[in-house]
Structure formats: C-alpha cells, structure tokens
Amino acid sequence: MTVAPALFGYAALVGLLAPRALARARWPHRAPRLAVALWQGLALSFVTALVLAVHHLAAPGVHLHLLLTGRVHLCGTAHGAGLPAGTAWRLLIPAAAALLPAARLAGALLRTARHRRRHRALLDLVAVRDPALGAHVLDHPVPAAYCLPGWRPRIVLTRGALDLLTAPQLAAVLAHERAHVSGRHHLARAAADAFAAAFPYLPLARHAAREVPLLLEMAADDRAVRRHPRAALAAAVFRVAGGRAPHPAFGAGGTAALLRVRRLLHPAAAPHPALCAAAALTSAGAPVLPLLVTCGPLLL
C-alpha cells in the first residue's frame, strides 16, 4: 500500500506543480518542438502514475509484467498459470482509469477528422485548386491562410490573401502551412485537447491545451524560416492575422500573431544544450518513471 501514496504524490507533482513552472519558463518559445514533447511526456506520465496508483489501491501487491518469456510475474514470483484467484476482476478498475483518456483521445481524433472531412467536401465545391501554389483558393475578401491536415490535407488561401501578400510573403506562408502538414501537428494538438477534455480541472491539462497550439505555430514558423526570410513571414503573419481558420485547421494568423511576429523579428538564442538535454531526457523518461517506482526491482 505504500506504493499507491507515492504514485499519487508523483501524479500531484506532475499535474499541479510542473505545468506552472513550465508555463512560466521562457525557453519553450525558443525550442517549441522540444517543449511540445515535454508537455506530452508530462501528460503521459501523469496518466501512467494515476492508473498505476489506482491499480495498487484496487489490487495491492499485484504487479503485472509481460516479459519475453510470456510469463506473468506477480511481485517477483513467477506464475505461469496467470493471476491468483479473485484478483482478476480488480484489474478492471485501473483499466477503466486508463480508458478515460484513451476514449477522449479517440473521440477527439474522430471529431476533428469528421470536421475536416466536411470542410474538405465544402472546399471542393467552393474553392479552386491552384496547381502552381499547391493550394485551394477561396474567393473571399478577408485575407486568411490555413491548412486542413490529415490523410488528404488542404492548404487554403483566400483571394484577399493573394491580393495582399507579396511573392516572398506568400511563399513563406505556404511553407508554414506545409510544415504543419508534414509535421503532423494535428496529432499533438488533438492529444492536448483530449487530455484537457479528460481532466478539465487539472492545471497540466489546461496549460497544455493552451500552450501546445501556440508552440506548434512557432515550430511551423521555425521550419518556414529555414528557406524564407523572417521578415517576409512576419509581415505575412501580421497581414493575415485577422483571418479566422476553422477549428480543426491551423491558421497562419490568429490571436497569437503579435507574439509570433515579435519572435520572428527578434529571434532569441537557442536554449543551452544542457537545458535541451535535460528537457529531452525528462520528456522521454517521465512516462517511464511511474513504472520504475512501482516495478523497478522486477524490471532490473
């Protein structure tokens, strides 16, 4: 029973304290992809710790390990026949705790896929594909640029954006939207939204749902400025800032446009390599740490 309080304490640390420190840090905007990975690692670590803590409350002393031999090990004792009598039903409780975020994630992916499918069908009716741009052009005066990611992605530009943007600005915007598509940023965003839906009152979930979309926009900016001038992308973001993208899409403008423009025009140095290494190790190791807490001696 001593393992369960330790896991609940770890989950509280990850879910309550860690997100506030990470949200106040300045380095995530200088390494957005790494910051997204860290938010995801913390979320997975919280869910793992919570499920294992519930498991230890429901079935104290029962640790399941599926090893290469295919045998089930319970607290260091090998049982080739399986679980002791009367304990199997208790495993349904932690299974239910694990299914909640999994179901939320599946539901978020299905909903966004359905919205994108409907929007793609609408674009095929009202927009005109421009092969030279590799984008669909929507006859609308408000300048806007966005992409619909997924299996059949669409990059959408309004006629207002084409009339307003210069050639270098247009090329930078297209590179930004292609970065969203190639990076499969919609999966990270869906995971953050699903985590927030599963744990709406958890600071980690709220902060992740707010920070991850902005970090993904910054990551796409960083990808675009590898081949295009920063000033061109900053000007394009400012000019299309008033355009609204549909919810399942990634827009080049939006409410965070001013922050992104400032970041593009005044780039900061990358975080110290030691900080990057620590963040990478934390994002990779945090989901495993609850397993080591509860099952460390047996996994060695």
Protein backbone atom coordinates (compact mmCIF):
# COMPACT_ATOMS: atom_id res chain seq x y z
CA MET A 1 0.00 0.00 0.00
CA THR A 2 3.00 2.33 0.35
CA VAL A 3 3.43 2.45 -3.43
CA ALA A 4 -0.01 3.98 -4.06
CA PRO A 5 0.60 7.15 -1.98
CA ALA A 6 3.96 7.62 -3.69
CA LEU A 7 2.33 7.38 -7.10
CA PHE A 8 -0.49 9.74 -6.13
CA GLY A 9 2.12 12.18 -4.82
CA TYR A 10 4.07 11.93 -8.06
CA ALA A 11 0.88 12.47 -10.08
CA ALA A 12 0.10 15.57 -7.99
CA LEU A 13 3.61 16.89 -8.58
CA VAL A 14 3.35 16.38 -12.34
CA GLY A 15 -0.25 17.52 -12.64
CA LEU A 16 -0.21 20.54 -10.32
CA LEU A 17 3.29 21.97 -9.89
CA ALA A 18 5.25 21.05 -13.02
CA PRO A 19 2.90 22.75 -15.52
CA ARG A 20 3.01 26.08 -13.70
CA ALA A 21 6.79 26.08 -13.75
CA LEU A 22 6.89 25.11 -17.42
CA ALA A 23 4.26 27.70 -18.39
CA ARG A 24 6.31 30.46 -16.72
CA ALA A 25 9.58 29.38 -18.33
CA ARG A 26 10.97 31.39 -21.23
CA TRP A 27 12.89 28.67 -23.04
CA PRO A 28 9.86 26.83 -24.59
CA HIS A 29 9.36 29.62 -27.14
CA ARG A 30 12.98 29.19 -28.16
CA ALA A 31 12.63 25.42 -28.61
CA PRO A 32 8.94 24.84 -29.38
CA ARG A 33 9.23 21.28 -30.67
CA LEU A 34 11.09 20.19 -27.57
CA ALA A 35 8.53 21.97 -25.38
CA VAL A 36 5.66 20.15 -27.11
CA ALA A 37 7.41 16.83 -26.48
CA LEU A 38 7.82 17.77 -22.81
CA TRP A 39 4.13 18.66 -22.42
CA GLN A 40 3.23 15.32 -23.99
CA GLY A 41 5.69 13.43 -21.80
CA LEU A 42 4.28 15.02 -18.65
CA ALA A 43 0.72 14.21 -19.70
CA LEU A 44 1.58 10.58 -20.40
CA SER A 45 3.49 10.37 -17.13
CA PHE A 46 0.50 11.72 -15.18
CA VAL A 47 -1.87 9.20 -16.74
CA THR A 48 0.57 6.34 -16.14
CA ALA A 49 1.06 7.30 -12.49
CA LEU A 50 -2.67 7.71 -11.93
CA VAL A 51 -3.52 4.35 -13.48
CA LEU A 52 -0.80 2.54 -11.52
CA ALA A 53 -1.88 4.22 -8.28
CA VAL A 54 -5.48 3.14 -8.83
CA HIS A 55 -4.21 -0.34 -9.69
CA HIS A 56 -2.30 -0.60 -6.41
CA LEU A 57 -5.36 0.50 -4.45
CA ALA A 58 -7.61 -1.98 -6.24
CA ALA A 59 -5.16 -4.91 -6.21
CA PRO A 60 -2.40 -4.24 -3.68
CA GLY A 61 0.78 -6.18 -4.26
CA VAL A 62 -0.14 -7.37 -7.74
CA HIS A 63 2.33 -6.22 -10.38
CA LEU A 64 1.85 -7.41 -13.92
CA HIS A 65 4.86 -7.74 -16.21
CA LEU A 66 4.73 -9.32 -19.62
CA LEU A 67 8.29 -10.44 -20.24
CA LEU A 68 9.93 -12.01 -23.27
CA THR A 69 9.17 -15.43 -21.87
CA GLY A 70 5.45 -14.70 -21.97
CA ARG A 71 5.08 -15.49 -18.25
CA VAL A 72 3.21 -13.30 -15.81
CA HIS A 73 5.21 -12.14 -12.80
CA LEU A 74 3.47 -11.06 -9.60
CA CYS A 75 5.66 -9.15 -7.16
CA GLY A 76 8.73 -11.10 -8.09
CA THR A 77 7.03 -14.52 -8.14
CA ALA A 78 6.58 -16.25 -11.47
CA HIS A 79 3.11 -17.60 -12.18
CA GLY A 80 2.87 -19.36 -15.47
CA ALA A 81 -0.83 -20.03 -14.99
CA GLY A 82 -1.74 -16.36 -14.58
CA LEU A 83 -3.28 -14.29 -11.77
CA PRO A 84 -4.24 -15.56 -8.34
CA ALA A 85 -7.91 -16.34 -7.89
CA GLY A 86 -10.11 -13.39 -7.02
CA THR A 87 -7.75 -10.65 -8.26
CA ALA A 88 -8.50 -10.54 -11.98
CA TRP A 89 -11.72 -8.53 -11.61
CA ARG A 90 -9.89 -5.83 -9.65
CA LEU A 91 -7.78 -5.05 -12.69
CA LEU A 92 -10.91 -3.67 -14.35
CA ILE A 93 -10.72 -0.59 -12.12
CA PRO A 94 -7.30 0.66 -13.34
CA ALA A 95 -8.28 -0.42 -16.84
CA ALA A 96 -11.27 1.92 -16.63
CA ALA A 97 -8.99 4.74 -15.43
CA ALA A 98 -6.75 4.17 -18.44
CA LEU A 99 -9.66 4.01 -20.86
CA LEU A 100 -10.92 7.50 -19.97
CA PRO A 101 -8.07 9.48 -21.58
CA ALA A 102 -7.80 6.90 -24.36
CA ALA A 103 -11.50 7.28 -25.15
CA ARG A 104 -11.19 11.07 -25.05
CA LEU A 105 -8.27 10.93 -27.47
CA ALA A 106 -10.14 8.61 -29.84
CA GLY A 107 -13.21 10.84 -29.66
CA ALA A 108 -11.16 13.98 -30.35
CA LEU A 109 -9.48 12.36 -33.35
CA LEU A 110 -12.81 11.18 -34.73
CA ARG A 111 -14.50 14.55 -34.24
CA THR A 112 -11.69 16.53 -35.85
CA ALA A 113 -11.46 14.03 -38.70
CA ARG A 114 -15.20 14.40 -39.28
CA HIS A 115 -14.95 18.21 -39.25
CA ARG A 116 -12.01 18.13 -41.65
CA ARG A 117 -13.85 15.76 -43.97
CA ARG A 118 -16.86 18.05 -44.11
CA HIS A 119 -14.70 21.10 -44.64
CA ARG A 120 -12.75 19.37 -47.42
CA ALA A 121 -16.00 18.50 -49.16
CA LEU A 122 -17.10 22.12 -48.87
CA LEU A 123 -13.79 23.39 -50.21
CA ASP A 124 -14.03 21.06 -53.19
CA LEU A 125 -17.30 22.81 -54.03
CA VAL A 126 -16.48 26.46 -53.40
CA ALA A 127 -12.68 26.70 -53.77
CA VAL A 128 -10.46 26.39 -56.83
CA ARG A 129 -7.23 24.42 -56.66
CA ASP A 130 -4.18 26.28 -57.94
CA PRO A 131 -1.56 23.70 -59.03
CA ALA A 132 1.18 26.32 -59.10
CA LEU A 133 0.62 27.16 -55.44
CA GLY A 134 -0.36 23.68 -54.34
CA ALA A 135 -3.29 25.24 -52.51
CA HIS A 136 -7.02 25.85 -52.78
CA VAL A 137 -8.07 29.42 -53.38
CA LEU A 138 -11.26 30.62 -51.73
CA ASP A 139 -12.98 33.65 -53.20
CA HIS A 140 -13.25 35.74 -50.04
CA PRO A 141 -12.03 39.30 -49.43
CA VAL A 142 -10.70 38.74 -45.91
CA PRO A 143 -7.00 37.71 -46.05
CA ALA A 144 -6.56 34.29 -44.48
CA ALA A 145 -4.35 31.25 -44.85
CA TYR A 146 -4.76 27.89 -43.17
CA CYS A 147 -4.34 24.17 -43.67
CA LEU A 148 -6.53 21.17 -43.06
CA PRO A 149 -4.16 18.36 -42.04
CA GLY A 150 -4.87 14.66 -42.20
CA TRP A 151 -4.83 11.95 -44.84
CA ARG A 152 -5.91 14.36 -47.60
CA PRO A 153 -4.54 17.72 -46.48
CA ARG A 154 -5.64 21.01 -47.94
CA ILE A 155 -3.83 24.34 -47.87
CA VAL A 156 -6.32 27.16 -48.26
CA LEU A 157 -5.72 30.78 -49.25
CA THR A 158 -8.38 33.42 -49.66
CA ARG A 159 -8.42 35.78 -52.61
CA GLY A 160 -7.84 38.59 -50.12
CA ALA A 161 -4.57 36.98 -49.03
CA LEU A 162 -3.38 36.55 -52.61
CA ASP A 163 -4.12 40.20 -53.36
CA LEU A 164 -2.40 41.45 -50.21
CA LEU A 165 0.71 39.28 -49.86
CA THR A 166 3.86 39.76 -51.89
CA ALA A 167 5.51 36.81 -53.59
CA PRO A 168 8.09 36.24 -50.79
CA GLN A 169 5.39 36.56 -48.14
CA LEU A 170 3.14 34.12 -49.96
CA ALA A 171 5.97 31.60 -50.31
CA ALA A 172 6.73 31.88 -46.58
CA VAL A 173 3.08 31.35 -45.64
CA LEU A 174 2.83 28.28 -47.84
CA ALA A 175 6.00 26.87 -46.26
CA HIS A 176 4.49 27.48 -42.82
CA GLU A 177 1.32 25.58 -43.69
CA ARG A 178 3.25 22.73 -45.31
CA ALA A 179 5.27 22.43 -42.09
CA HIS A 180 2.03 21.78 -40.20
CA VAL A 181 1.07 19.05 -42.65
CA SER A 182 4.44 17.30 -42.84
CA GLY A 183 4.96 17.56 -39.10
CA ARG A 184 1.54 16.00 -38.37
CA HIS A 185 0.95 18.74 -35.84
CA HIS A 186 -2.76 17.92 -35.70
CA LEU A 187 -1.98 14.76 -33.73
CA ALA A 188 -0.18 16.67 -30.98
CA ARG A 189 -2.96 19.22 -30.85
CA ALA A 190 -5.64 16.52 -30.69
CA ALA A 191 -3.78 14.80 -27.86
CA ALA A 192 -3.62 18.04 -25.88
CA ASP A 193 -7.32 18.72 -26.46
CA ALA A 194 -8.26 15.18 -25.46
CA PHE A 195 -6.16 15.36 -22.30
CA ALA A 196 -7.87 18.62 -21.35
CA ALA A 197 -11.28 17.05 -22.00
CA ALA A 198 -10.43 14.05 -19.83
CA PHE A 199 -9.07 16.17 -16.95
CA PRO A 200 -10.71 19.61 -17.35
CA TYR A 201 -9.75 20.87 -13.87
CA LEU A 202 -6.14 19.71 -13.94
CA PRO A 203 -3.57 22.53 -14.35
CA LEU A 204 -1.37 20.31 -16.51
CA ALA A 205 -4.23 19.70 -18.94
CA ARG A 206 -5.33 23.34 -19.04
CA HIS A 207 -1.83 24.69 -19.59
CA ALA A 208 -1.04 22.07 -22.23
CA ALA A 209 -4.24 22.80 -24.16
CA ARG A 210 -3.32 26.49 -24.21
CA GLU A 211 0.41 26.23 -24.86
CA VAL A 212 0.67 23.37 -27.35
CA PRO A 213 -1.21 25.07 -30.24
CA LEU A 214 0.97 28.19 -29.91
CA LEU A 215 4.14 26.09 -29.75
CA LEU A 216 3.09 24.21 -32.87
CA GLU A 217 2.64 27.52 -34.71
CA MET A 218 6.11 28.55 -33.61
CA ALA A 219 7.52 25.20 -34.72
CA ALA A 220 5.98 25.73 -38.15
CA ASP A 221 7.45 29.24 -38.23
CA ASP A 222 10.90 27.84 -37.49
CA ARG A 223 10.55 25.33 -40.29
CA ALA A 224 9.44 28.01 -42.75
CA VAL A 225 12.28 30.44 -41.99
CA ARG A 226 14.85 27.80 -42.91
CA ARG A 227 14.20 28.68 -46.55
CA HIS A 228 12.42 32.03 -46.37
CA PRO A 229 13.25 35.40 -44.81
CA ARG A 230 12.00 36.02 -41.30
CA ALA A 231 10.77 39.47 -42.26
CA ALA A 232 8.65 38.05 -45.06
CA LEU A 233 6.92 35.52 -42.81
CA ALA A 234 6.46 38.09 -40.03
CA ALA A 235 4.82 40.52 -42.44
CA ALA A 236 2.59 37.78 -43.83
CA VAL A 237 1.50 36.67 -40.35
CA PHE A 238 0.66 40.27 -39.48
CA ARG A 239 -1.32 40.78 -42.66
CA VAL A 240 -3.44 37.65 -42.31
CA ALA A 241 -3.84 37.98 -38.55
CA GLY A 242 -7.49 38.97 -38.91
CA GLY A 243 -8.41 35.83 -40.84
CA ARG A 244 -10.08 33.09 -38.83
CA ALA A 245 -9.38 29.44 -39.55
CA PRO A 246 -11.91 26.69 -38.78
CA HIS A 247 -11.32 24.81 -35.53
CA PRO A 248 -9.68 21.65 -36.96
CA ALA A 249 -7.32 23.74 -39.08
CA PHE A 250 -4.02 25.53 -38.46
CA GLY A 251 -4.14 29.20 -39.43
CA ALA A 252 -1.21 31.46 -40.25
CA GLY A 253 -2.88 34.33 -38.37
CA GLY A 254 -4.87 34.23 -35.17
CA THR A 255 -4.80 35.83 -31.75
CA ALA A 256 -1.15 34.92 -31.09
CA ALA A 257 0.03 36.64 -34.29
CA LEU A 258 1.64 39.58 -32.46
CA LEU A 259 3.69 37.27 -30.24
CA ARG A 260 4.83 35.27 -33.25
CA VAL A 261 5.72 38.40 -35.22
CA ARG A 262 7.82 39.68 -32.33
CA ARG A 263 9.53 36.31 -32.06
CA LEU A 264 10.28 36.23 -35.79
CA LEU A 265 11.68 39.75 -35.90
CA HIS A 266 13.71 39.41 -32.71
CA PRO A 267 14.87 35.79 -32.60
CA ALA A 268 16.38 34.64 -29.33
CA ALA A 269 19.27 32.26 -28.99
CA ALA A 270 18.52 28.58 -28.65
CA PRO A 271 18.43 27.24 -25.10
CA HIS A 272 21.65 25.95 -23.58
CA PRO A 273 22.46 22.41 -24.76
CA ALA A 274 22.35 21.19 -21.16
CA LEU A 275 18.81 22.54 -20.79
CA CYS A 276 17.77 20.92 -24.06
CA ALA A 277 19.27 17.60 -22.97
CA ALA A 278 17.51 17.80 -19.60
CA ALA A 279 14.17 18.59 -21.26
CA ALA A 280 14.60 15.76 -23.77
CA LEU A 281 15.51 13.28 -21.04
CA THR A 282 12.55 14.42 -18.95
CA SER A 283 10.09 14.10 -21.83
CA ALA A 284 11.35 10.59 -22.58
CA GLY A 285 11.85 9.44 -19.01
CA ALA A 286 8.83 10.92 -17.26
CA PRO A 287 6.35 8.34 -18.65
CA VAL A 288 8.66 5.53 -17.53
CA LEU A 289 9.33 6.85 -14.03
CA PRO A 290 6.00 5.65 -12.52
CA LEU A 291 6.77 2.16 -13.80
CA LEU A 292 10.17 2.25 -12.14
CA VAL A 293 8.63 3.44 -8.89
CA THR A 294 6.16 0.57 -8.75
CA CYS A 295 8.03 -2.20 -10.53
CA GLY A 296 11.68 -1.14 -10.59
CA PRO A 297 13.25 -4.12 -8.81
CA LEU A 298 11.43 -6.61 -11.01
CA LEU A 299 12.32 -4.81 -14.24
CA LEU A 300 16.03 -4.95 -13.48
